Amino acid sequence: MRLDTPFVVSHDAKNVAELYSSVTGIQMKVESNQPAVVVYTPLEFGAICFETQNYPDAPNFKSFPSALLHPGETYYNRSVFTFDLVT
């Protein structure tokens, strides 16, 4: 099964995504200042991708946060991927 699905992030959420493998004990947490995350799983190989971003298709929906960057404005996207070994 392939995923290519956007999810809206709660405004007060510290982590936008979190994964844990009971096989390896590895835990991954994703933090971001972006309002959405796209979860993507490619069919070609076993992987999962987290793409932090503004709402997809934001320019076409006035109720979405603006994705436009005007002259003189600064765009800041922060994403932190943390890996821990949980025993």
PDB file of N, CA and C in Angstrom:
ATOM      1  N   MET A   1       0.840  -1.175   0.000  1.00  0.00           N
ATOM      2  CA  MET A   1       0.000   0.000   0.000  1.00  0.00           C
ATOM      3  C   MET A   1       0.889   1.242   0.000  1.00  0.00           C
ATOM      4  N   ARG A   2       0.523   2.207  -0.770  1.00  0.00           N
ATOM      5  CA  ARG A   2       1.288   3.448  -0.862  1.00  0.00           C
ATOM      6  C   ARG A   2       0.503   4.585  -0.234  1.00  0.00           C
ATOM      7  N   LEU A   3       1.205   5.393   0.562  1.00  0.00           N
ATOM      8  CA  LEU A   3       0.631   6.606   1.128  1.00  0.00           C
ATOM      9  C   LEU A   3       1.265   7.815   0.471  1.00  0.00           C
ATOM     10  N   ASP A   4       0.491   8.828   0.234  1.00  0.00           N
ATOM     11  CA  ASP A   4       0.952  10.145  -0.196  1.00  0.00           C
ATOM     12  C   ASP A   4      -0.107  11.109   0.311  1.00  0.00           C
ATOM     13  N   THR A   5      -0.148  11.251   1.648  1.00  0.00           N
ATOM     14  CA  THR A   5      -1.283  11.874   2.312  1.00  0.00           C
ATOM     15  C   THR A   5      -0.849  13.017   3.218  1.00  0.00           C
ATOM     16  N   PRO A   6      -1.473  14.199   3.063  1.00  0.00           N
ATOM     17  CA  PRO A   6      -1.164  15.310   3.973  1.00  0.00           C
ATOM     18  C   PRO A   6      -1.993  15.213   5.253  1.00  0.00           C
ATOM     19  N   PHE A   7      -1.377  15.636   6.352  1.00  0.00           N
ATOM     20  CA  PHE A   7      -2.059  15.703   7.640  1.00  0.00           C
ATOM     21  C   PHE A   7      -1.855  17.095   8.225  1.00  0.00           C
ATOM     22  N   VAL A   8      -2.902  17.647   8.793  1.00  0.00           N
ATOM     23  CA  VAL A   8      -2.815  18.939   9.469  1.00  0.00           C
ATOM     24  C   VAL A   8      -2.260  18.694  10.863  1.00  0.00           C
ATOM     25  N   VAL A   9      -1.332  19.545  11.284  1.00  0.00           N
ATOM     26  CA  VAL A   9      -0.681  19.421  12.574  1.00  0.00           C
ATOM     27  C   VAL A   9      -1.388  20.311  13.586  1.00  0.00           C
ATOM     28  N   SER A  10      -1.598  19.801  14.773  1.00  0.00           N
ATOM     29  CA  SER A  10      -2.188  20.589  15.850  1.00  0.00           C
ATOM     30  C   SER A  10      -1.264  21.754  16.180  1.00  0.00           C
ATOM     31  N   HIS A  11      -1.824  22.930  16.403  1.00  0.00           N
ATOM     32  CA  HIS A  11      -1.023  24.135  16.670  1.00  0.00           C
ATOM     33  C   HIS A  11      -0.135  24.003  17.897  1.00  0.00           C
ATOM     34  N   ASP A  12      -0.562  23.230  18.872  1.00  0.00           N
ATOM     35  CA  ASP A  12       0.220  23.111  20.103  1.00  0.00           C
ATOM     36  C   ASP A  12       1.048  21.823  20.161  1.00  0.00           C
ATOM     37  N   ALA A  13       1.115  21.106  19.056  1.00  0.00           N
ATOM     38  CA  ALA A  13       1.871  19.842  19.034  1.00  0.00           C
ATOM     39  C   ALA A  13       3.364  20.110  18.966  1.00  0.00           C
ATOM     40  N   LYS A  14       4.122  19.433  19.810  1.00  0.00           N
ATOM     41  CA  LYS A  14       5.578  19.529  19.735  1.00  0.00           C
ATOM     42  C   LYS A  14       6.088  18.629  18.610  1.00  0.00           C
ATOM     43  N   ASN A  15       5.582  17.411  18.554  1.00  0.00           N
ATOM     44  CA  ASN A  15       5.966  16.460  17.509  1.00  0.00           C
ATOM     45  C   ASN A  15       4.870  16.384  16.460  1.00  0.00           C
ATOM     46  N   VAL A  16       5.260  16.470  15.183  1.00  0.00           N
ATOM     47  CA  VAL A  16       4.286  16.331  14.110  1.00  0.00           C
ATOM     48  C   VAL A  16       4.150  14.884  13.667  1.00  0.00           C
ATOM     49  N   ALA A  17       5.155  14.068  14.022  1.00  0.00           N
ATOM     50  CA  ALA A  17       5.101  12.644  13.708  1.00  0.00           C
ATOM     51  C   ALA A  17       6.031  11.903  14.658  1.00  0.00           C
ATOM     52  N   GLU A  18       5.687  10.647  14.902  1.00  0.00           N
ATOM     53  CA  GLU A  18       6.513   9.819  15.768  1.00  0.00           C
ATOM     54  C   GLU A  18       6.368   8.368  15.323  1.00  0.00           C
ATOM     55  N   LEU A  19       7.491   7.674  15.221  1.00  0.00           N
ATOM     56  CA  LEU A  19       7.510   6.267  14.827  1.00  0.00           C
ATOM     57  C   LEU A  19       8.335   5.465  15.816  1.00  0.00           C
ATOM     58  N   TYR A  20       7.984   4.202  15.940  1.00  0.00           N
ATOM     59  CA  TYR A  20       8.745   3.308  16.802  1.00  0.00           C
ATOM     60  C   TYR A  20       8.763   1.920  16.172  1.00  0.00           C
ATOM     61  N   SER A  21       9.935   1.285  16.163  1.00  0.00           N
ATOM     62  CA  SER A  21      10.068  -0.091  15.685  1.00  0.00           C
ATOM     63  C   SER A  21      10.290  -1.011  16.873  1.00  0.00           C
ATOM     64  N   SER A  22       9.377  -1.937  17.078  1.00  0.00           N
ATOM     65  CA  SER A  22       9.551  -2.906  18.163  1.00  0.00           C
ATOM     66  C   SER A  22      10.641  -3.925  17.822  1.00  0.00           C
ATOM     67  N   VAL A  23      11.013  -4.020  16.560  1.00  0.00           N
ATOM     68  CA  VAL A  23      12.066  -4.940  16.131  1.00  0.00           C
ATOM     69  C   VAL A  23      13.445  -4.385  16.485  1.00  0.00           C
ATOM     70  N   THR A  24      13.693  -3.100  16.182  1.00  0.00           N
ATOM     71  CA  THR A  24      15.014  -2.502  16.403  1.00  0.00           C
ATOM     72  C   THR A  24      15.088  -1.680  17.686  1.00  0.00           C
ATOM     73  N   GLY A  25      13.944  -1.246  18.203  1.00  0.00           N
ATOM     74  CA  GLY A  25      13.928  -0.369  19.369  1.00  0.00           C
ATOM     75  C   GLY A  25      14.198   1.083  19.029  1.00  0.00           C
ATOM     76  N   ILE A  26      14.272   1.403  17.738  1.00  0.00           N
ATOM     77  CA  ILE A  26      14.553   2.773  17.311  1.00  0.00           C
ATOM     78  C   ILE A  26      13.256   3.575  17.262  1.00  0.00           C
ATOM     79  N   GLN A  27      13.323   4.774  17.815  1.00  0.00           N
ATOM     80  CA  GLN A  27      12.191   5.699  17.802  1.00  0.00           C
ATOM     81  C   GLN A  27      12.620   6.956  17.050  1.00  0.00           C
ATOM     82  N   MET A  28      11.756   7.465  16.187  1.00  0.00           N
ATOM     83  CA  MET A  28      12.019   8.700  15.468  1.00  0.00           C
ATOM     84  C   MET A  28      10.913   9.694  15.776  1.00  0.00           C
ATOM     85  N   LYS A  29      11.308  10.923  16.089  1.00  0.00           N
ATOM     86  CA  LYS A  29      10.353  12.006  16.308  1.00  0.00           C
ATOM     87  C   LYS A  29      10.655  13.114  15.318  1.00  0.00           C
ATOM     88  N   VAL A  30       9.587  13.724  14.797  1.00  0.00           N
ATOM     89  CA  VAL A  30       9.724  14.828  13.850  1.00  0.00           C
ATOM     90  C   VAL A  30       9.076  16.063  14.463  1.00  0.00           C
ATOM     91  N   GLU A  31       9.868  17.132  14.596  1.00  0.00           N
ATOM     92  CA  GLU A  31       9.361  18.416  15.060  1.00  0.00           C
ATOM     93  C   GLU A  31       9.411  19.392  13.891  1.00  0.00           C
ATOM     94  N   SER A  32       8.444  20.310  13.813  1.00  0.00           N
ATOM     95  CA  SER A  32       8.444  21.290  12.735  1.00  0.00           C
ATOM     96  C   SER A  32       7.599  22.493  13.109  1.00  0.00           C
ATOM     97  N   ASN A  33       7.889  23.614  12.473  1.00  0.00           N
ATOM     98  CA  ASN A  33       7.072  24.809  12.635  1.00  0.00           C
ATOM     99  C   ASN A  33       6.022  24.924  11.523  1.00  0.00           C
ATOM    100  N   GLN A  34       5.929  23.925  10.683  1.00  0.00           N
ATOM    101  CA  GLN A  34       4.995  23.952   9.562  1.00  0.00           C
ATOM    102  C   GLN A  34       3.621  23.414   9.977  1.00  0.00           C
ATOM    103  N   PRO A  35       2.543  23.872   9.320  1.00  0.00           N
ATOM    104  CA  PRO A  35       1.200  23.476   9.723  1.00  0.00           C
ATOM    105  C   PRO A  35       0.727  22.126   9.184  1.00  0.00           C
ATOM    106  N   ALA A  36       1.548  21.485   8.342  1.00  0.00           N
ATOM    107  CA  ALA A  36       1.126  20.195   7.775  1.00  0.00           C
ATOM    108  C   ALA A  36       2.343  19.307   7.556  1.00  0.00           C
ATOM    109  N   VAL A  37       2.074  18.020   7.469  1.00  0.00           N
ATOM    110  CA  VAL A  37       3.118  17.044   7.138  1.00  0.00           C
ATOM    111  C   VAL A  37       2.514  16.044   6.155  1.00  0.00           C
ATOM    112  N   VAL A  38       3.251  15.766   5.096  1.00  0.00           N
ATOM    113  CA  VAL A  38       2.832  14.752   4.130  1.00  0.00           C
ATOM    114  C   VAL A  38       3.584  13.477   4.460  1.00  0.00           C
ATOM    115  N   VAL A  39       2.840  12.386   4.606  1.00  0.00           N
ATOM    116  CA  VAL A  39       3.433  11.072   4.840  1.00  0.00           C
ATOM    117  C   VAL A  39       3.426  10.336   3.510  1.00  0.00           C
ATOM    118  N   TYR A  40       4.616   9.922   3.093  1.00  0.00           N
ATOM    119  CA  TYR A  40       4.780   9.301   1.782  1.00  0.00           C
ATOM    120  C   TYR A  40       5.542   7.990   1.935  1.00  0.00           C
ATOM    121  N   THR A  41       5.014   6.929   1.339  1.00  0.00           N
ATOM    122  CA  THR A  41       5.692   5.635   1.326  1.00  0.00           C
ATOM    123  C   THR A  41       5.875   5.203  -0.131  1.00  0.00           C
ATOM    124  N   PRO A  42       7.104   5.235  -0.638  1.00  0.00           N
ATOM    125  CA  PRO A  42       7.335   4.845  -2.029  1.00  0.00           C
ATOM    126  C   PRO A  42       7.151   3.346  -2.234  1.00  0.00           C
ATOM    127  N   LEU A  43       6.648   2.980  -3.388  1.00  0.00           N
ATOM    128  CA  LEU A  43       6.441   1.561  -3.702  1.00  0.00           C
ATOM    129  C   LEU A  43       7.744   0.867  -4.081  1.00  0.00           C
ATOM    130  N   GLU A  44       8.730   1.624  -4.569  1.00  0.00           N
ATOM    131  CA  GLU A  44       9.956   1.039  -5.095  1.00  0.00           C
ATOM    132  C   GLU A  44      10.814   0.379  -4.015  1.00  0.00           C
ATOM    133  N   PHE A  45      10.732   0.890  -2.779  1.00  0.00           N
ATOM    134  CA  PHE A  45      11.530   0.317  -1.699  1.00  0.00           C
ATOM    135  C   PHE A  45      10.857   0.631  -0.371  1.00  0.00           C
ATOM    136  N   GLY A  46      11.179  -0.165   0.639  1.00  0.00           N
ATOM    137  CA  GLY A  46      10.557   0.000   1.943  1.00  0.00           C
ATOM    138  C   GLY A  46      11.067   1.238   2.660  1.00  0.00           C
ATOM    139  N   ALA A  47      10.274   2.262   2.700  1.00  0.00           N
ATOM    140  CA  ALA A  47      10.674   3.518   3.353  1.00  0.00           C
ATOM    141  C   ALA A  47       9.428   4.298   3.727  1.00  0.00           C
ATOM    142  N   ILE A  48       9.643   5.294   4.564  1.00  0.00           N
ATOM    143  CA  ILE A  48       8.581   6.240   4.890  1.00  0.00           C
ATOM    144  C   ILE A  48       9.206   7.623   4.946  1.00  0.00           C
ATOM    145  N   CYS A  49       8.543   8.595   4.358  1.00  0.00           N
ATOM    146  CA  CYS A  49       9.064   9.958   4.274  1.00  0.00           C
ATOM    147  C   CYS A  49       8.077  10.908   4.952  1.00  0.00           C
ATOM    148  N   PHE A  50       8.623  11.894   5.651  1.00  0.00           N
ATOM    149  CA  PHE A  50       7.815  12.930   6.287  1.00  0.00           C
ATOM    150  C   PHE A  50       8.226  14.269   5.693  1.00  0.00           C
ATOM    151  N   GLU A  51       7.310  14.903   4.977  1.00  0.00           N
ATOM    152  CA  GLU A  51       7.586  16.167   4.304  1.00  0.00           C
ATOM    153  C   GLU A  51       6.808  17.271   5.020  1.00  0.00           C
ATOM    154  N   THR A  52       7.495  18.049   5.848  1.00  0.00           N
ATOM    155  CA  THR A  52       6.837  19.135   6.572  1.00  0.00           C
ATOM    156  C   THR A  52       6.697  20.324   5.626  1.00  0.00           C
ATOM    157  N   GLN A  53       5.511  20.941   5.632  1.00  0.00           N
ATOM    158  CA  GLN A  53       5.223  21.996   4.662  1.00  0.00           C
ATOM    159  C   GLN A  53       3.976  22.755   5.049  1.00  0.00           C
ATOM    160  N   ASN A  54       3.670  23.772   4.239  1.00  0.00           N
ATOM    161  CA  ASN A  54       2.406  24.476   4.377  1.00  0.00           C
ATOM    162  C   ASN A  54       1.299  23.557   3.856  1.00  0.00           C
ATOM    163  N   TYR A  55       0.048  23.978   4.005  1.00  0.00           N
ATOM    164  CA  TYR A  55      -1.043  23.149   3.507  1.00  0.00           C
ATOM    165  C   TYR A  55      -0.910  22.978   1.993  1.00  0.00           C
ATOM    166  N   PRO A  56      -0.968  21.743   1.510  1.00  0.00           N
ATOM    167  CA  PRO A  56      -0.962  21.549   0.063  1.00  0.00           C
ATOM    168  C   PRO A  56      -2.155  22.274  -0.567  1.00  0.00           C
ATOM    169  N   ASP A  57      -1.926  22.873  -1.703  1.00  0.00           N
ATOM    170  CA  ASP A  57      -2.958  23.593  -2.457  1.00  0.00           C
ATOM    171  C   ASP A  57      -3.445  24.860  -1.729  1.00  0.00           C
ATOM    172  N   ALA A  58      -2.632  25.381  -0.814  1.00  0.00           N
ATOM    173  CA  ALA A  58      -3.010  26.566  -0.026  1.00  0.00           C
ATOM    174  C   ALA A  58      -3.395  27.778  -0.877  1.00  0.00           C
ATOM    175  N   PRO A  59      -2.716  28.045  -2.008  1.00  0.00           N
ATOM    176  CA  PRO A  59      -3.110  29.230  -2.782  1.00  0.00           C
ATOM    177  C   PRO A  59      -4.548  29.185  -3.306  1.00  0.00           C
ATOM    178  N   ASN A  60      -5.137  28.006  -3.368  1.00  0.00           N
ATOM    179  CA  ASN A  60      -6.488  27.874  -3.918  1.00  0.00           C
ATOM    180  C   ASN A  60      -7.596  27.860  -2.866  1.00  0.00           C
ATOM    181  N   PHE A  61      -7.224  27.966  -1.582  1.00  0.00           N
ATOM    182  CA  PHE A  61      -8.224  27.941  -0.517  1.00  0.00           C
ATOM    183  C   PHE A  61      -7.971  29.097   0.441  1.00  0.00           C
ATOM    184  N   LYS A  62      -8.868  30.059   0.462  1.00  0.00           N
ATOM    185  CA  LYS A  62      -8.700  31.251   1.298  1.00  0.00           C
ATOM    186  C   LYS A  62      -8.691  30.917   2.789  1.00  0.00           C
ATOM    187  N   SER A  63      -9.299  29.811   3.192  1.00  0.00           N
ATOM    188  CA  SER A  63      -9.348  29.438   4.608  1.00  0.00           C
ATOM    189  C   SER A  63      -8.032  28.814   5.091  1.00  0.00           C
ATOM    190  N   PHE A  64      -7.129  28.468   4.164  1.00  0.00           N
ATOM    191  CA  PHE A  64      -5.832  27.900   4.527  1.00  0.00           C
ATOM    192  C   PHE A  64      -4.845  29.021   4.828  1.00  0.00           C
ATOM    193  N   PRO A  65      -3.826  28.758   5.664  1.00  0.00           N
ATOM    194  CA  PRO A  65      -2.783  29.767   5.866  1.00  0.00           C
ATOM    195  C   PRO A  65      -2.102  30.086   4.530  1.00  0.00           C
ATOM    196  N   SER A  66      -1.768  31.331   4.327  1.00  0.00           N
ATOM    197  CA  SER A  66      -1.164  31.747   3.066  1.00  0.00           C
ATOM    198  C   SER A  66       0.190  31.089   2.850  1.00  0.00           C
ATOM    199  N   ALA A  67       0.458  30.694   1.612  1.00  0.00           N
ATOM    200  CA  ALA A  67       1.748  30.124   1.234  1.00  0.00           C
ATOM    201  C   ALA A  67       2.554  31.107   0.388  1.00  0.00           C
ATOM    202  N   LEU A  68       2.035  32.329   0.237  1.00  0.00           N
ATOM    203  CA  LEU A  68       2.720  33.323  -0.582  1.00  0.00           C
ATOM    204  C   LEU A  68       3.843  33.995   0.190  1.00  0.00           C
ATOM    205  N   LEU A  69       4.939  34.206  -0.484  1.00  0.00           N
ATOM    206  CA  LEU A  69       6.067  34.923   0.090  1.00  0.00           C
ATOM    207  C   LEU A  69       6.239  36.202  -0.715  1.00  0.00           C
ATOM    208  N   HIS A  70       6.033  37.327  -0.066  1.00  0.00           N
ATOM    209  CA  HIS A  70       6.100  38.619  -0.732  1.00  0.00           C
ATOM    210  C   HIS A  70       7.510  39.193  -0.639  1.00  0.00           C
ATOM    211  N   PRO A  71       7.864  40.108  -1.555  1.00  0.00           N
ATOM    212  CA  PRO A  71       9.191  40.733  -1.501  1.00  0.00           C
ATOM    213  C   PRO A  71       9.449  41.334  -0.122  1.00  0.00           C
ATOM    214  N   GLY A  72      10.640  41.094   0.393  1.00  0.00           N
ATOM    215  CA  GLY A  72      11.019  41.615   1.701  1.00  0.00           C
ATOM    216  C   GLY A  72      10.676  40.693   2.857  1.00  0.00           C
ATOM    217  N   GLU A  73       9.836  39.686   2.635  1.00  0.00           N
ATOM    218  CA  GLU A  73       9.490  38.734   3.686  1.00  0.00           C
ATOM    219  C   GLU A  73      10.532  37.608   3.730  1.00  0.00           C
ATOM    220  N   THR A  74      10.631  36.961   4.871  1.00  0.00           N
ATOM    221  CA  THR A  74      11.558  35.849   5.039  1.00  0.00           C
ATOM    222  C   THR A  74      10.770  34.576   5.305  1.00  0.00           C
ATOM    223  N   TYR A  75      11.132  33.522   4.606  1.00  0.00           N
ATOM    224  CA  TYR A  75      10.519  32.210   4.819  1.00  0.00           C
ATOM    225  C   TYR A  75      11.411  31.411   5.746  1.00  0.00           C
ATOM    226  N   TYR A  76      10.831  30.824   6.762  1.00  0.00           N
ATOM    227  CA  TYR A  76      11.584  30.032   7.723  1.00  0.00           C
ATOM    228  C   TYR A  76      10.876  28.705   7.932  1.00  0.00           C
ATOM    229  N   ASN A  77      11.538  27.612   7.570  1.00  0.00           N
ATOM    230  CA  ASN A  77      11.007  26.270   7.753  1.00  0.00           C
ATOM    231  C   ASN A  77      11.992  25.512   8.624  1.00  0.00           C
ATOM    232  N   ARG A  78      11.510  25.051   9.750  1.00  0.00           N
ATOM    233  CA  ARG A  78      12.374  24.313  10.675  1.00  0.00           C
ATOM    234  C   ARG A  78      11.810  22.917  10.870  1.00  0.00           C
ATOM    235  N   SER A  79      12.630  21.909  10.606  1.00  0.00           N
ATOM    236  CA  SER A  79      12.258  20.522  10.851  1.00  0.00           C
ATOM    237  C   SER A  79      13.420  19.829  11.542  1.00  0.00           C
ATOM    238  N   VAL A  80      13.122  19.119  12.621  1.00  0.00           N
ATOM    239  CA  VAL A  80      14.136  18.405  13.385  1.00  0.00           C
ATOM    240  C   VAL A  80      13.729  16.942  13.471  1.00  0.00           C
ATOM    241  N   PHE A  81      14.643  16.064  13.072  1.00  0.00           N
ATOM    242  CA  PHE A  81      14.411  14.628  13.124  1.00  0.00           C
ATOM    243  C   PHE A  81      15.309  14.062  14.217  1.00  0.00           C
ATOM    244  N   THR A  82      14.710  13.478  15.245  1.00  0.00           N
ATOM    245  CA  THR A  82      15.445  12.955  16.394  1.00  0.00           C
ATOM    246  C   THR A  82      15.277  11.435  16.439  1.00  0.00           C
ATOM    247  N   PHE A  83      16.406  10.740  16.585  1.00  0.00           N
ATOM    248  CA  PHE A  83      16.384   9.287  16.672  1.00  0.00           C
ATOM    249  C   PHE A  83      16.905   8.871  18.043  1.00  0.00           C
ATOM    250  N   ASP A  84      16.180   7.953  18.691  1.00  0.00           N
ATOM    251  CA  ASP A  84      16.568   7.430  19.993  1.00  0.00           C
ATOM    252  C   ASP A  84      16.451   5.923  19.976  1.00  0.00           C
ATOM    253  N   LEU A  85      17.237   5.287  20.808  1.00  0.00           N
ATOM    254  CA  LEU A  85      17.119   3.851  21.019  1.00  0.00           C
ATOM    255  C   LEU A  85      16.352   3.639  22.308  1.00  0.00           C
ATOM    256  N   VAL A  86      15.159   3.058  22.193  1.00  0.00           N
ATOM    257  CA  VAL A  86      14.289   2.840  23.351  1.00  0.00           C
ATOM    258  C   VAL A  86      14.448   1.397  23.794  1.00  0.00           C
ATOM    259  N   THR A  87      14.821   1.224  25.036  1.00  0.00           N
ATOM    260  CA  THR A  87      15.031  -0.151  25.514  1.00  0.00           C
ATOM    261  C   THR A  87      13.998  -0.531  26.541  1.00  0.00           C
TER     262      THR A  87
END
